[in-house]
Protein backbone atom coordinates (compact mmCIF):
# COMPACT_ATOMS: atom_id res chain seq x y z
CA MET A 1 -0.89 9.90 -5.67
CA ASP A 2 -3.33 7.33 -7.05
CA ARG A 3 -6.62 6.53 -5.33
CA PHE A 4 -7.74 2.97 -4.67
CA ASP A 5 -11.15 1.81 -3.47
CA ILE A 6 -10.76 -1.41 -1.49
CA GLU A 7 -13.58 -3.18 0.31
CA GLY A 8 -12.53 -4.82 3.55
CA HIS A 9 -13.16 -5.44 7.22
CA GLU A 10 -10.41 -3.51 9.03
CA VAL A 11 -7.57 -1.06 8.40
CA HIS A 12 -4.24 -1.32 10.21
CA ASP A 13 -1.63 1.44 9.99
CA GLY A 14 1.95 0.24 10.16
CA GLU A 15 5.48 0.95 8.99
CA ALA A 16 7.56 -1.28 6.72
CA LYS A 17 10.62 -2.55 8.62
CA PRO A 18 13.76 -3.93 6.96
CA THR A 19 14.46 -7.66 6.85
CA GLY A 20 17.01 -9.38 4.62
CA ASN A 21 16.46 -8.20 1.03
CA GLY A 22 12.91 -6.99 1.70
CA ALA A 23 10.62 -5.50 4.30
CA TYR A 24 7.71 -6.59 6.49
CA VAL A 25 4.65 -5.02 8.10
CA LEU A 26 3.23 -6.54 11.28
CA VAL A 27 -0.53 -7.05 11.43
CA PRO A 28 -2.68 -8.33 14.31
CA LYS A 29 -2.34 -12.07 15.04
CA ARG A 30 -6.11 -12.49 14.59
CA TRP A 31 -5.49 -11.82 10.87
CA LEU A 32 -3.61 -15.13 10.48
CA GLY A 33 -4.86 -16.97 7.40
CA ALA A 34 -6.73 -13.92 6.03
CA ASP A 35 -6.14 -12.36 2.61
CA VAL A 36 -4.41 -8.99 3.13
CA LYS A 37 -3.56 -6.11 0.79
CA VAL A 38 -0.75 -3.62 1.48
CA VAL A 39 -0.89 -0.09 0.02
CA ARG A 40 2.08 2.29 0.25
CA VAL A 41 0.79 5.74 1.21
CA SER A 42 4.06 7.70 1.42
CA GLU A 43 7.42 7.84 -0.32
CA PRO A 44 10.14 5.56 1.13
CA ASP A 45 12.96 7.13 3.17
CA THR A 46 15.64 8.39 0.78
CA ASP A 47 18.32 7.81 3.46
CA SER A 48 18.01 4.04 3.02
CA ASP A 49 20.64 2.20 0.94
CA ASP A 50 18.04 -0.43 -0.08
CA GLU A 51 15.63 0.11 -2.98
């Protein structure tokens, strides 16, 4: 696993949920309009048909 140093204000743990041909992660509404970075910290489920 790679290590990334990211400076920021808050951390939010979430799970990627399927939608159409992609996925989404919900963040708090107060983050609207903010720049956000998403880092995958585990391997995706291998049971999924999507890549």
